[in-house]
Amino acid sequence: MDTERTIELTVNGSSHSRSVPVRRTLSEFIRDDLGLTGTHVGCEHGVCGTCTVLLNGQTVRACLMFAVQADGAEIMTVEGLADEDELHPIQEAFHQEHGLQCGFCTPGFLMTVHEFLSHNKDASQDEIRHAISGNICRCTGYQNIVKAVETADRLWER
């Protein structure tokens, strides 16, 4: 039985080819092998949402996937949102509306909101609350996060 496998994938626009243990999670690969520590790991059960990344444009929990499952995929992490020194409109909205406090959950929210707003314009508060319901924040009480998503919806020209 193989204990390692070579994978090729694109992360934030850069191609990577690596030999990885078959049981290495995608979150471990992103953080440890690629050094992209913006993807946080909280519960390691897929419940909290802090490890959320985009895999071929759809949100996934990086702690629940093996890196080998992402072979050939395109991944976007929170580091891929900003354009050089300019914040992405979602990041700018979270800043403007104070949609974060400690910041631990923020990368997962940003990636969740990115996928949601990519497919939804002029979303209602109920739709926003439903979209972010899989992400846990223990600091904000969610109201400012909802406001941030509404602001991002206005700011982001997609």
N, C-alpha and C. Protein backbone atom coordinates (compact mmCIF):
# COMPACT_ATOMS: atom_id res chain seq x y z
N MET A 1 0.84 -1.18 0.00
CA MET A 1 0.00 0.00 0.00
C MET A 1 0.89 1.25 0.00
N ASP A 2 0.55 2.21 -0.85
CA ASP A 2 1.32 3.45 -0.92
C ASP A 2 1.09 4.28 0.33
N THR A 3 2.17 4.82 0.86
CA THR A 3 2.04 5.72 2.00
C THR A 3 2.24 7.18 1.58
N GLU A 4 2.76 7.39 0.37
CA GLU A 4 2.93 8.73 -0.18
C GLU A 4 2.47 8.74 -1.62
N ARG A 5 2.06 9.92 -2.05
CA ARG A 5 1.62 10.09 -3.43
C ARG A 5 1.97 11.50 -3.89
N THR A 6 2.33 11.64 -5.13
CA THR A 6 2.62 12.96 -5.69
C THR A 6 1.32 13.57 -6.18
N ILE A 7 1.10 14.80 -5.75
CA ILE A 7 -0.08 15.55 -6.17
C ILE A 7 0.36 16.82 -6.87
N GLU A 8 -0.49 17.28 -7.76
CA GLU A 8 -0.28 18.55 -8.45
C GLU A 8 -1.57 19.34 -8.33
N LEU A 9 -1.44 20.57 -7.84
CA LEU A 9 -2.60 21.43 -7.71
C LEU A 9 -2.17 22.88 -7.78
N THR A 10 -3.15 23.73 -7.95
CA THR A 10 -2.90 25.16 -8.02
C THR A 10 -3.50 25.80 -6.77
N VAL A 11 -2.68 26.56 -6.06
CA VAL A 11 -3.14 27.25 -4.85
C VAL A 11 -2.89 28.74 -5.03
N ASN A 12 -3.96 29.50 -4.99
CA ASN A 12 -3.89 30.95 -5.16
C ASN A 12 -3.14 31.34 -6.43
N GLY A 13 -3.36 30.58 -7.48
CA GLY A 13 -2.77 30.89 -8.77
C GLY A 13 -1.38 30.31 -9.01
N SER A 14 -0.77 29.70 -8.01
CA SER A 14 0.56 29.11 -8.16
C SER A 14 0.47 27.59 -8.21
N SER A 15 1.17 26.99 -9.16
CA SER A 15 1.17 25.53 -9.29
C SER A 15 2.13 24.91 -8.29
N HIS A 16 1.72 23.77 -7.76
CA HIS A 16 2.55 23.04 -6.80
C HIS A 16 2.50 21.55 -7.11
N SER A 17 3.66 20.92 -7.04
CA SER A 17 3.76 19.48 -7.18
C SER A 17 4.54 18.99 -5.97
N ARG A 18 3.93 18.11 -5.19
CA ARG A 18 4.57 17.63 -3.97
C ARG A 18 4.23 16.16 -3.74
N SER A 19 5.15 15.48 -3.11
CA SER A 19 4.89 14.14 -2.62
C SER A 19 4.39 14.30 -1.18
N VAL A 20 3.22 13.74 -0.91
CA VAL A 20 2.62 13.91 0.42
C VAL A 20 2.17 12.56 0.97
N PRO A 21 2.20 12.42 2.29
CA PRO A 21 1.61 11.23 2.89
C PRO A 21 0.12 11.16 2.53
N VAL A 22 -0.38 10.00 2.20
CA VAL A 22 -1.77 9.88 1.75
C VAL A 22 -2.78 10.28 2.81
N ARG A 23 -2.37 10.30 4.07
CA ARG A 23 -3.29 10.66 5.15
C ARG A 23 -3.13 12.11 5.61
N ARG A 24 -2.32 12.90 4.93
CA ARG A 24 -2.15 14.31 5.28
C ARG A 24 -3.42 15.05 4.86
N THR A 25 -3.98 15.82 5.78
CA THR A 25 -5.18 16.58 5.45
C THR A 25 -4.83 17.77 4.56
N LEU A 26 -5.82 18.27 3.87
CA LEU A 26 -5.62 19.44 3.03
C LEU A 26 -5.20 20.64 3.88
N SER A 27 -5.76 20.77 5.06
CA SER A 27 -5.36 21.89 5.94
C SER A 27 -3.90 21.77 6.35
N GLU A 28 -3.42 20.57 6.65
CA GLU A 28 -2.01 20.39 6.98
C GLU A 28 -1.13 20.71 5.78
N PHE A 29 -1.55 20.27 4.60
CA PHE A 29 -0.79 20.54 3.39
C PHE A 29 -0.69 22.05 3.16
N ILE A 30 -1.80 22.75 3.26
CA ILE A 30 -1.82 24.19 3.03
C ILE A 30 -0.95 24.91 4.05
N ARG A 31 -1.12 24.57 5.31
CA ARG A 31 -0.39 25.27 6.37
C ARG A 31 1.07 24.85 6.47
N ASP A 32 1.31 23.55 6.53
CA ASP A 32 2.65 23.05 6.82
C ASP A 32 3.54 22.93 5.58
N ASP A 33 2.98 22.42 4.49
CA ASP A 33 3.79 22.23 3.30
C ASP A 33 3.94 23.50 2.48
N LEU A 34 2.88 24.30 2.41
CA LEU A 34 2.92 25.52 1.61
C LEU A 34 3.17 26.77 2.44
N GLY A 35 3.06 26.67 3.77
CA GLY A 35 3.32 27.82 4.63
C GLY A 35 2.24 28.88 4.59
N LEU A 36 1.04 28.52 4.15
CA LEU A 36 -0.07 29.47 4.10
C LEU A 36 -0.91 29.32 5.37
N THR A 37 -0.54 30.05 6.39
CA THR A 37 -1.14 29.86 7.71
C THR A 37 -2.42 30.65 7.93
N GLY A 38 -2.92 31.31 6.90
CA GLY A 38 -4.19 32.02 7.03
C GLY A 38 -5.37 31.06 7.19
N THR A 39 -5.24 29.85 6.66
CA THR A 39 -6.27 28.83 6.85
C THR A 39 -6.11 28.29 8.26
N HIS A 40 -7.07 28.58 9.10
CA HIS A 40 -6.97 28.16 10.50
C HIS A 40 -7.59 26.79 10.71
N VAL A 41 -7.18 26.13 11.75
CA VAL A 41 -7.73 24.82 12.12
C VAL A 41 -8.27 24.95 13.54
N GLY A 42 -9.57 24.70 13.67
CA GLY A 42 -10.21 24.82 14.97
C GLY A 42 -10.57 23.47 15.53
N CYS A 43 -11.72 22.96 15.12
CA CYS A 43 -12.27 21.74 15.72
C CYS A 43 -11.73 20.45 15.13
N GLU A 44 -11.22 20.50 13.93
CA GLU A 44 -10.75 19.33 13.18
C GLU A 44 -11.84 18.29 12.95
N HIS A 45 -13.10 18.75 12.99
CA HIS A 45 -14.25 17.88 12.72
C HIS A 45 -15.16 18.48 11.66
N GLY A 46 -14.78 19.62 11.07
CA GLY A 46 -15.58 20.25 10.04
C GLY A 46 -16.77 21.04 10.54
N VAL A 47 -16.85 21.24 11.85
CA VAL A 47 -18.02 21.89 12.45
C VAL A 47 -17.86 23.41 12.53
N CYS A 48 -16.67 23.90 12.82
CA CYS A 48 -16.50 25.33 13.13
C CYS A 48 -16.33 26.20 11.90
N GLY A 49 -15.81 25.67 10.81
CA GLY A 49 -15.67 26.42 9.57
C GLY A 49 -14.41 27.25 9.44
N THR A 50 -13.53 27.23 10.43
CA THR A 50 -12.34 28.07 10.35
C THR A 50 -11.38 27.64 9.23
N CYS A 51 -11.44 26.39 8.82
CA CYS A 51 -10.52 25.87 7.80
C CYS A 51 -11.11 25.94 6.39
N THR A 52 -12.18 26.67 6.21
CA THR A 52 -12.86 26.73 4.92
C THR A 52 -11.97 27.35 3.84
N VAL A 53 -11.88 26.66 2.72
CA VAL A 53 -11.17 27.15 1.53
C VAL A 53 -12.07 26.89 0.34
N LEU A 54 -11.71 27.46 -0.81
CA LEU A 54 -12.44 27.18 -2.04
C LEU A 54 -11.69 26.13 -2.84
N LEU A 55 -12.37 25.10 -3.22
CA LEU A 55 -11.84 24.03 -4.06
C LEU A 55 -12.65 24.07 -5.36
N ASN A 56 -11.99 24.47 -6.44
CA ASN A 56 -12.68 24.64 -7.72
C ASN A 56 -13.91 25.54 -7.57
N GLY A 57 -13.77 26.57 -6.74
CA GLY A 57 -14.82 27.56 -6.57
C GLY A 57 -15.87 27.25 -5.53
N GLN A 58 -15.79 26.09 -4.90
CA GLN A 58 -16.79 25.72 -3.90
C GLN A 58 -16.12 25.56 -2.54
N THR A 59 -16.84 25.98 -1.50
CA THR A 59 -16.28 25.87 -0.15
C THR A 59 -16.17 24.41 0.27
N VAL A 60 -15.05 24.12 0.93
CA VAL A 60 -14.83 22.81 1.54
C VAL A 60 -14.14 23.04 2.88
N ARG A 61 -14.27 22.09 3.75
CA ARG A 61 -13.57 22.09 5.02
C ARG A 61 -12.24 21.38 4.80
N ALA A 62 -11.16 22.12 4.87
CA ALA A 62 -9.84 21.56 4.58
C ALA A 62 -9.39 20.54 5.63
N CYS A 63 -10.00 20.57 6.80
CA CYS A 63 -9.62 19.59 7.83
C CYS A 63 -10.27 18.23 7.57
N LEU A 64 -11.27 18.19 6.70
CA LEU A 64 -11.98 16.93 6.43
C LEU A 64 -11.53 16.24 5.15
N MET A 65 -10.68 16.90 4.39
CA MET A 65 -10.21 16.34 3.12
C MET A 65 -8.76 15.93 3.23
N PHE A 66 -8.41 14.90 2.52
CA PHE A 66 -7.01 14.57 2.37
C PHE A 66 -6.45 15.38 1.22
N ALA A 67 -5.20 15.74 1.31
CA ALA A 67 -4.55 16.52 0.25
C ALA A 67 -4.62 15.77 -1.08
N VAL A 68 -4.50 14.44 -1.04
CA VAL A 68 -4.53 13.67 -2.28
C VAL A 68 -5.88 13.78 -2.99
N GLN A 69 -6.94 14.09 -2.25
CA GLN A 69 -8.25 14.28 -2.86
C GLN A 69 -8.31 15.57 -3.68
N ALA A 70 -7.40 16.48 -3.42
CA ALA A 70 -7.38 17.76 -4.14
C ALA A 70 -6.45 17.72 -5.35
N ASP A 71 -5.90 16.56 -5.65
CA ASP A 71 -5.00 16.43 -6.79
C ASP A 71 -5.69 16.94 -8.05
N GLY A 72 -5.03 17.87 -8.75
CA GLY A 72 -5.57 18.43 -9.97
C GLY A 72 -6.52 19.60 -9.77
N ALA A 73 -6.79 19.96 -8.55
CA ALA A 73 -7.76 21.00 -8.24
C ALA A 73 -7.13 22.39 -8.19
N GLU A 74 -8.01 23.37 -8.18
CA GLU A 74 -7.62 24.75 -7.96
C GLU A 74 -8.16 25.16 -6.60
N ILE A 75 -7.25 25.59 -5.74
CA ILE A 75 -7.60 25.97 -4.36
C ILE A 75 -7.40 27.47 -4.21
N MET A 76 -8.32 28.09 -3.48
CA MET A 76 -8.10 29.48 -3.07
C MET A 76 -8.21 29.53 -1.55
N THR A 77 -7.17 30.09 -0.93
CA THR A 77 -7.18 30.32 0.51
C THR A 77 -7.38 31.80 0.75
N VAL A 78 -7.49 32.18 2.00
CA VAL A 78 -7.68 33.59 2.33
C VAL A 78 -6.54 34.46 1.80
N GLU A 79 -5.35 33.89 1.69
CA GLU A 79 -4.22 34.65 1.14
C GLU A 79 -4.43 35.01 -0.32
N GLY A 80 -5.31 34.29 -1.00
CA GLY A 80 -5.58 34.54 -2.41
C GLY A 80 -6.64 35.61 -2.67
N LEU A 81 -7.25 36.13 -1.62
CA LEU A 81 -8.30 37.14 -1.81
C LEU A 81 -7.76 38.50 -2.20
N ALA A 82 -6.82 38.99 -1.44
CA ALA A 82 -6.29 40.34 -1.68
C ALA A 82 -5.50 40.39 -2.97
N ASP A 83 -5.52 41.55 -3.60
CA ASP A 83 -4.75 41.77 -4.81
C ASP A 83 -3.54 42.62 -4.44
N GLU A 84 -2.40 41.93 -4.24
CA GLU A 84 -1.18 42.61 -3.80
C GLU A 84 -1.45 43.31 -2.45
N ASP A 85 -1.40 44.62 -2.43
CA ASP A 85 -1.61 45.36 -1.18
C ASP A 85 -3.03 45.89 -1.02
N GLU A 86 -3.91 45.56 -1.94
CA GLU A 86 -5.28 46.05 -1.90
C GLU A 86 -6.21 44.95 -1.40
N LEU A 87 -6.96 45.25 -0.35
CA LEU A 87 -7.89 44.27 0.19
C LEU A 87 -8.99 43.94 -0.81
N HIS A 88 -9.45 42.71 -0.77
CA HIS A 88 -10.62 42.31 -1.53
C HIS A 88 -11.82 43.05 -0.93
N PRO A 89 -12.84 43.36 -1.71
CA PRO A 89 -14.01 44.06 -1.16
C PRO A 89 -14.65 43.35 0.04
N ILE A 90 -14.59 42.04 0.08
CA ILE A 90 -15.13 41.33 1.25
C ILE A 90 -14.28 41.65 2.48
N GLN A 91 -12.96 41.62 2.33
CA GLN A 91 -12.08 41.97 3.45
C GLN A 91 -12.30 43.41 3.88
N GLU A 92 -12.42 44.30 2.92
CA GLU A 92 -12.66 45.72 3.22
C GLU A 92 -13.97 45.90 3.98
N ALA A 93 -15.00 45.19 3.57
CA ALA A 93 -16.30 45.28 4.25
C ALA A 93 -16.22 44.76 5.69
N PHE A 94 -15.51 43.66 5.91
CA PHE A 94 -15.35 43.15 7.27
C PHE A 94 -14.62 44.17 8.14
N HIS A 95 -13.65 44.84 7.55
CA HIS A 95 -12.92 45.89 8.27
C HIS A 95 -13.84 47.08 8.57
N GLN A 96 -14.55 47.56 7.58
CA GLN A 96 -15.43 48.72 7.75
C GLN A 96 -16.53 48.48 8.77
N GLU A 97 -17.11 47.30 8.75
CA GLU A 97 -18.27 46.99 9.60
C GLU A 97 -17.89 46.31 10.92
N HIS A 98 -16.61 46.22 11.20
CA HIS A 98 -16.14 45.57 12.43
C HIS A 98 -16.69 44.15 12.54
N GLY A 99 -16.58 43.41 11.42
CA GLY A 99 -17.10 42.05 11.35
C GLY A 99 -16.15 41.01 11.91
N LEU A 100 -15.18 41.45 12.68
CA LEU A 100 -14.27 40.51 13.31
C LEU A 100 -13.80 41.09 14.64
N GLN A 101 -13.42 40.21 15.52
CA GLN A 101 -12.82 40.66 16.77
C GLN A 101 -11.49 39.95 16.95
N CYS A 102 -11.50 38.72 17.41
CA CYS A 102 -10.21 38.04 17.61
C CYS A 102 -9.61 37.63 16.27
N GLY A 103 -10.45 37.41 15.25
CA GLY A 103 -9.98 37.10 13.91
C GLY A 103 -9.75 35.63 13.63
N PHE A 104 -9.90 34.76 14.60
CA PHE A 104 -9.61 33.35 14.37
C PHE A 104 -10.57 32.74 13.34
N CYS A 105 -11.83 33.09 13.41
CA CYS A 105 -12.83 32.53 12.50
C CYS A 105 -12.88 33.26 11.16
N THR A 106 -12.29 34.44 11.10
CA THR A 106 -12.45 35.33 9.94
C THR A 106 -12.07 34.70 8.60
N PRO A 107 -10.95 34.00 8.46
CA PRO A 107 -10.63 33.41 7.15
C PRO A 107 -11.73 32.49 6.63
N GLY A 108 -12.29 31.69 7.51
CA GLY A 108 -13.38 30.79 7.10
C GLY A 108 -14.62 31.55 6.67
N PHE A 109 -14.94 32.62 7.40
CA PHE A 109 -16.08 33.46 7.00
C PHE A 109 -15.82 34.11 5.65
N LEU A 110 -14.63 34.65 5.46
CA LEU A 110 -14.32 35.33 4.20
C LEU A 110 -14.47 34.39 3.00
N MET A 111 -14.00 33.17 3.14
CA MET A 111 -14.08 32.22 2.03
C MET A 111 -15.52 31.76 1.81
N THR A 112 -16.27 31.58 2.88
CA THR A 112 -17.68 31.22 2.77
C THR A 112 -18.46 32.32 2.07
N VAL A 113 -18.21 33.55 2.49
CA VAL A 113 -18.90 34.71 1.91
C VAL A 113 -18.50 34.88 0.44
N HIS A 114 -17.25 34.60 0.11
CA HIS A 114 -16.80 34.71 -1.28
C HIS A 114 -17.64 33.81 -2.19
N GLU A 115 -17.77 32.55 -1.80
CA GLU A 115 -18.58 31.65 -2.64
C GLU A 115 -20.03 32.11 -2.68
N PHE A 116 -20.58 32.47 -1.53
CA PHE A 116 -21.99 32.89 -1.46
C PHE A 116 -22.26 34.10 -2.35
N LEU A 117 -21.45 35.15 -2.21
CA LEU A 117 -21.68 36.36 -2.99
C LEU A 117 -21.34 36.18 -4.47
N SER A 118 -20.52 35.19 -4.79
CA SER A 118 -20.24 34.91 -6.19
C SER A 118 -21.50 34.49 -6.94
N HIS A 119 -22.46 33.95 -6.20
CA HIS A 119 -23.69 33.42 -6.80
C HIS A 119 -24.94 34.17 -6.37
N ASN A 120 -24.80 35.14 -5.49
CA ASN A 120 -25.97 35.83 -4.95
C ASN A 120 -25.72 37.33 -4.88
N LYS A 121 -26.56 38.08 -5.54
CA LYS A 121 -26.49 39.54 -5.49
C LYS A 121 -27.73 40.02 -4.75
N ASP A 122 -27.57 41.07 -3.96
CA ASP A 122 -28.68 41.65 -3.20
C ASP A 122 -29.33 40.62 -2.28
N ALA A 123 -28.51 39.88 -1.56
CA ALA A 123 -29.01 38.85 -0.65
C ALA A 123 -29.72 39.47 0.55
N SER A 124 -30.75 38.82 1.01
CA SER A 124 -31.47 39.27 2.21
C SER A 124 -30.68 38.87 3.46
N GLN A 125 -31.03 39.47 4.58
CA GLN A 125 -30.36 39.10 5.83
C GLN A 125 -30.60 37.63 6.16
N ASP A 126 -31.78 37.13 5.88
CA ASP A 126 -32.06 35.71 6.14
C ASP A 126 -31.18 34.82 5.28
N GLU A 127 -31.00 35.19 4.00
CA GLU A 127 -30.14 34.41 3.11
C GLU A 127 -28.69 34.46 3.58
N ILE A 128 -28.25 35.63 4.03
CA ILE A 128 -26.89 35.77 4.55
C ILE A 128 -26.71 34.91 5.79
N ARG A 129 -27.65 35.01 6.72
CA ARG A 129 -27.54 34.21 7.96
C ARG A 129 -27.50 32.72 7.65
N HIS A 130 -28.29 32.30 6.69
CA HIS A 130 -28.27 30.89 6.30
C HIS A 130 -26.91 30.52 5.69
N ALA A 131 -26.38 31.40 4.84
CA ALA A 131 -25.11 31.12 4.16
C ALA A 131 -23.95 30.99 5.14
N ILE A 132 -23.95 31.78 6.21
CA ILE A 132 -22.84 31.75 7.17
C ILE A 132 -23.11 30.84 8.36
N SER A 133 -24.24 30.14 8.35
CA SER A 133 -24.62 29.34 9.52
C SER A 133 -23.67 28.20 9.82
N GLY A 134 -22.83 27.82 8.88
CA GLY A 134 -21.87 26.74 9.11
C GLY A 134 -20.55 27.21 9.70
N ASN A 135 -20.45 28.50 9.99
CA ASN A 135 -19.23 29.06 10.56
C ASN A 135 -19.52 29.56 11.97
N ILE A 136 -18.65 29.22 12.88
CA ILE A 136 -18.85 29.60 14.27
C ILE A 136 -17.93 30.76 14.64
N CYS A 137 -18.53 31.78 15.25
CA CYS A 137 -17.78 32.90 15.81
C CYS A 137 -18.18 33.01 17.27
N ARG A 138 -17.20 33.08 18.14
CA ARG A 138 -17.49 33.15 19.56
C ARG A 138 -17.37 34.57 20.11
N CYS A 139 -17.04 35.53 19.25
CA CYS A 139 -16.79 36.89 19.72
C CYS A 139 -17.84 37.91 19.31
N THR A 140 -18.29 37.87 18.06
CA THR A 140 -19.00 39.03 17.50
C THR A 140 -20.50 39.05 17.71
N GLY A 141 -21.14 37.93 17.91
CA GLY A 141 -22.59 37.92 17.96
C GLY A 141 -23.22 37.96 16.58
N TYR A 142 -22.43 37.92 15.54
CA TYR A 142 -22.83 37.78 14.14
C TYR A 142 -23.45 39.01 13.49
N GLN A 143 -24.00 39.95 14.24
CA GLN A 143 -24.68 41.09 13.63
C GLN A 143 -23.74 41.88 12.71
N ASN A 144 -22.52 42.15 13.19
CA ASN A 144 -21.59 42.91 12.35
C ASN A 144 -21.08 42.08 11.17
N ILE A 145 -21.07 40.78 11.31
CA ILE A 145 -20.70 39.93 10.18
C ILE A 145 -21.77 40.03 9.10
N VAL A 146 -23.02 39.99 9.50
CA VAL A 146 -24.12 40.13 8.54
C VAL A 146 -24.04 41.49 7.86
N LYS A 147 -23.78 42.55 8.64
CA LYS A 147 -23.62 43.88 8.04
C LYS A 147 -22.45 43.91 7.07
N ALA A 148 -21.37 43.24 7.42
CA ALA A 148 -20.19 43.19 6.55
C ALA A 148 -20.52 42.50 5.23
N VAL A 149 -21.31 41.44 5.28
CA VAL A 149 -21.69 40.74 4.05
C VAL A 149 -22.58 41.65 3.19
N GLU A 150 -23.49 42.37 3.81
CA GLU A 150 -24.33 43.32 3.06
C GLU A 150 -23.46 44.39 2.39
N THR A 151 -22.49 44.91 3.12
CA THR A 151 -21.59 45.92 2.57
C THR A 151 -20.74 45.34 1.45
N ALA A 152 -20.22 44.14 1.65
CA ALA A 152 -19.42 43.48 0.61
C ALA A 152 -20.25 43.27 -0.66
N ASP A 153 -21.52 42.95 -0.49
CA ASP A 153 -22.40 42.75 -1.62
C ASP A 153 -22.50 44.03 -2.46
N ARG A 154 -22.50 45.18 -1.80
CA ARG A 154 -22.55 46.47 -2.51
C ARG A 154 -21.19 46.83 -3.11
N LEU A 155 -20.09 46.54 -2.38
CA LEU A 155 -18.76 46.95 -2.82
C LEU A 155 -18.18 46.10 -3.95
N TRP A 156 -18.49 44.83 -3.97
CA TRP A 156 -17.84 43.89 -4.87
C TRP A 156 -18.51 43.90 -6.24
N GLU A 157 -17.76 44.35 -7.22
CA GLU A 157 -18.23 44.31 -8.60
C GLU A 157 -17.80 42.98 -9.20
N ARG A 158 -18.74 42.12 -9.44
CA ARG A 158 -18.43 40.79 -9.95
C ARG A 158 -19.16 40.53 -11.24
